[in-house]
Amino acid sequence: MAERERWAQEPDPAPDPAPEAAPCERCKGPVTGPLGYDLEFAPPEDGRHCPACRTDLRQQYPTLRQAVFGRRSRSK
């Protein structure tokens, strides 16, 4: 009975904070993109870059290695 009263008097522990998404590797902004950004035209998420940086990277000219061997995704 005394244990029930003790538990009733103690406040609940604070909930764990939500994990923050990793920042964009290129611009350090949120990977999900700024509010209001139209995700329809952005390349698919890669977990490393925000929509604006993914669009910029997609529009860059390929390097000589990429032109010869093709663009490969880094899957490590």
C-alpha atoms as a PDB file:
ATOM      1  CA  MET A   1       0.000   0.000   0.000  1.00  0.00           C
ATOM      2  CA  ALA A   2       2.816   2.417   0.873  1.00  0.00           C
ATOM      3  CA  GLU A   3       4.518   1.627  -2.443  1.00  0.00           C
ATOM      4  CA  ARG A   4       1.366   2.549  -4.383  1.00  0.00           C
ATOM      5  CA  GLU A   5       1.180   5.883  -2.599  1.00  0.00           C
ATOM      6  CA  ARG A   6       4.856   6.553  -3.337  1.00  0.00           C
ATOM      7  CA  TRP A   7       4.367   5.828  -7.066  1.00  0.00           C
ATOM      8  CA  ALA A   8       1.268   8.030  -7.122  1.00  0.00           C
ATOM      9  CA  GLN A   9       3.196  10.959  -5.633  1.00  0.00           C
ATOM     10  CA  GLU A  10       6.237  10.769  -7.919  1.00  0.00           C
ATOM     11  CA  PRO A  11       5.865  12.622 -11.229  1.00  0.00           C
ATOM     12  CA  ASP A  12       6.244  10.684 -14.455  1.00  0.00           C
ATOM     13  CA  PRO A  13       9.719  10.919 -15.958  1.00  0.00           C
ATOM     14  CA  ALA A  14      10.058  13.351 -18.846  1.00  0.00           C
ATOM     15  CA  PRO A  15       9.594  11.713 -22.267  1.00  0.00           C
ATOM     16  CA  ASP A  16      12.696  11.190 -24.354  1.00  0.00           C
ATOM     17  CA  PRO A  17      13.234  13.979 -26.883  1.00  0.00           C
ATOM     18  CA  ALA A  18      12.494  13.087 -30.502  1.00  0.00           C
ATOM     19  CA  PRO A  19      15.661  12.182 -32.416  1.00  0.00           C
ATOM     20  CA  GLU A  20      16.754  14.988 -34.694  1.00  0.00           C
ATOM     21  CA  ALA A  21      17.351  14.260 -38.346  1.00  0.00           C
ATOM     22  CA  ALA A  22      20.956  14.465 -39.465  1.00  0.00           C
ATOM     23  CA  PRO A  23      21.809  17.727 -41.216  1.00  0.00           C
ATOM     24  CA  CYS A  24      22.493  17.922 -44.940  1.00  0.00           C
ATOM     25  CA  GLU A  25      26.142  17.071 -45.672  1.00  0.00           C
ATOM     26  CA  ARG A  26      26.442  19.961 -48.107  1.00  0.00           C
ATOM     27  CA  CYS A  27      24.571  22.933 -46.589  1.00  0.00           C
ATOM     28  CA  LYS A  28      23.958  21.683 -42.988  1.00  0.00           C
ATOM     29  CA  GLY A  29      20.203  22.366 -43.355  1.00  0.00           C
ATOM     30  CA  PRO A  30      17.498  19.828 -42.499  1.00  0.00           C
ATOM     31  CA  VAL A  31      17.478  16.753 -44.761  1.00  0.00           C
ATOM     32  CA  THR A  32      13.689  17.031 -44.998  1.00  0.00           C
ATOM     33  CA  GLY A  33      14.046  20.427 -46.654  1.00  0.00           C
ATOM     34  CA  PRO A  34      12.805  23.878 -45.678  1.00  0.00           C
ATOM     35  CA  LEU A  35       9.114  24.378 -45.052  1.00  0.00           C
ATOM     36  CA  GLY A  36       7.195  25.098 -48.231  1.00  0.00           C
ATOM     37  CA  TYR A  37       9.745  23.443 -50.538  1.00  0.00           C
ATOM     38  CA  ASP A  38       8.021  21.542 -53.351  1.00  0.00           C
ATOM     39  CA  LEU A  39       9.269  17.967 -52.977  1.00  0.00           C
ATOM     40  CA  GLU A  40       7.536  16.844 -56.176  1.00  0.00           C
ATOM     41  CA  PHE A  41      10.402  18.024 -58.395  1.00  0.00           C
ATOM     42  CA  ALA A  42      13.288  17.014 -56.118  1.00  0.00           C
ATOM     43  CA  PRO A  43      15.238  13.780 -56.725  1.00  0.00           C
ATOM     44  CA  PRO A  44      14.419  10.908 -54.334  1.00  0.00           C
ATOM     45  CA  GLU A  45      15.730  11.119 -50.773  1.00  0.00           C
ATOM     46  CA  ASP A  46      19.193   9.732 -50.166  1.00  0.00           C
ATOM     47  CA  GLY A  47      19.333  10.445 -46.423  1.00  0.00           C
ATOM     48  CA  ARG A  48      22.392  12.670 -46.854  1.00  0.00           C
ATOM     49  CA  HIS A  49      21.245  15.824 -48.694  1.00  0.00           C
ATOM     50  CA  CYS A  50      18.292  18.229 -48.541  1.00  0.00           C
ATOM     51  CA  PRO A  51      15.979  18.535 -51.596  1.00  0.00           C
ATOM     52  CA  ALA A  52      17.707  21.718 -52.838  1.00  0.00           C
ATOM     53  CA  CYS A  53      21.186  20.141 -52.674  1.00  0.00           C
ATOM     54  CA  ARG A  54      19.948  16.917 -54.313  1.00  0.00           C
ATOM     55  CA  THR A  55      18.556  19.013 -57.171  1.00  0.00           C
ATOM     56  CA  ASP A  56      21.837  20.958 -57.490  1.00  0.00           C
ATOM     57  CA  LEU A  57      23.915  17.779 -57.444  1.00  0.00           C
ATOM     58  CA  ARG A  58      21.718  16.181 -60.100  1.00  0.00           C
ATOM     59  CA  GLN A  59      22.153  19.214 -62.389  1.00  0.00           C
ATOM     60  CA  GLN A  60      25.964  19.364 -62.140  1.00  0.00           C
ATOM     61  CA  TYR A  61      28.085  18.193 -65.029  1.00  0.00           C
ATOM     62  CA  PRO A  62      29.535  14.718 -64.449  1.00  0.00           C
ATOM     63  CA  THR A  63      33.199  14.327 -63.600  1.00  0.00           C
ATOM     64  CA  LEU A  64      35.442  12.539 -66.100  1.00  0.00           C
ATOM     65  CA  ARG A  65      35.254   9.348 -64.039  1.00  0.00           C
ATOM     66  CA  GLN A  66      31.444   9.521 -63.930  1.00  0.00           C
ATOM     67  CA  ALA A  67      31.305  10.189 -67.664  1.00  0.00           C
ATOM     68  CA  VAL A  68      33.484   7.143 -68.421  1.00  0.00           C
ATOM     69  CA  PHE A  69      32.213   4.673 -65.833  1.00  0.00           C
ATOM     70  CA  GLY A  70      28.730   6.040 -65.171  1.00  0.00           C
ATOM     71  CA  ARG A  71      27.242   7.451 -62.009  1.00  0.00           C
ATOM     72  CA  ARG A  72      27.215   4.922 -59.232  1.00  0.00           C
ATOM     73  CA  SER A  73      25.414   5.332 -55.943  1.00  0.00           C
ATOM     74  CA  ARG A  74      27.519   4.987 -52.812  1.00  0.00           C
ATOM     75  CA  SER A  75      26.019   2.020 -51.035  1.00  0.00           C
ATOM     76  CA  LYS A  76      28.088   1.483 -47.914  1.00  0.00           C
END
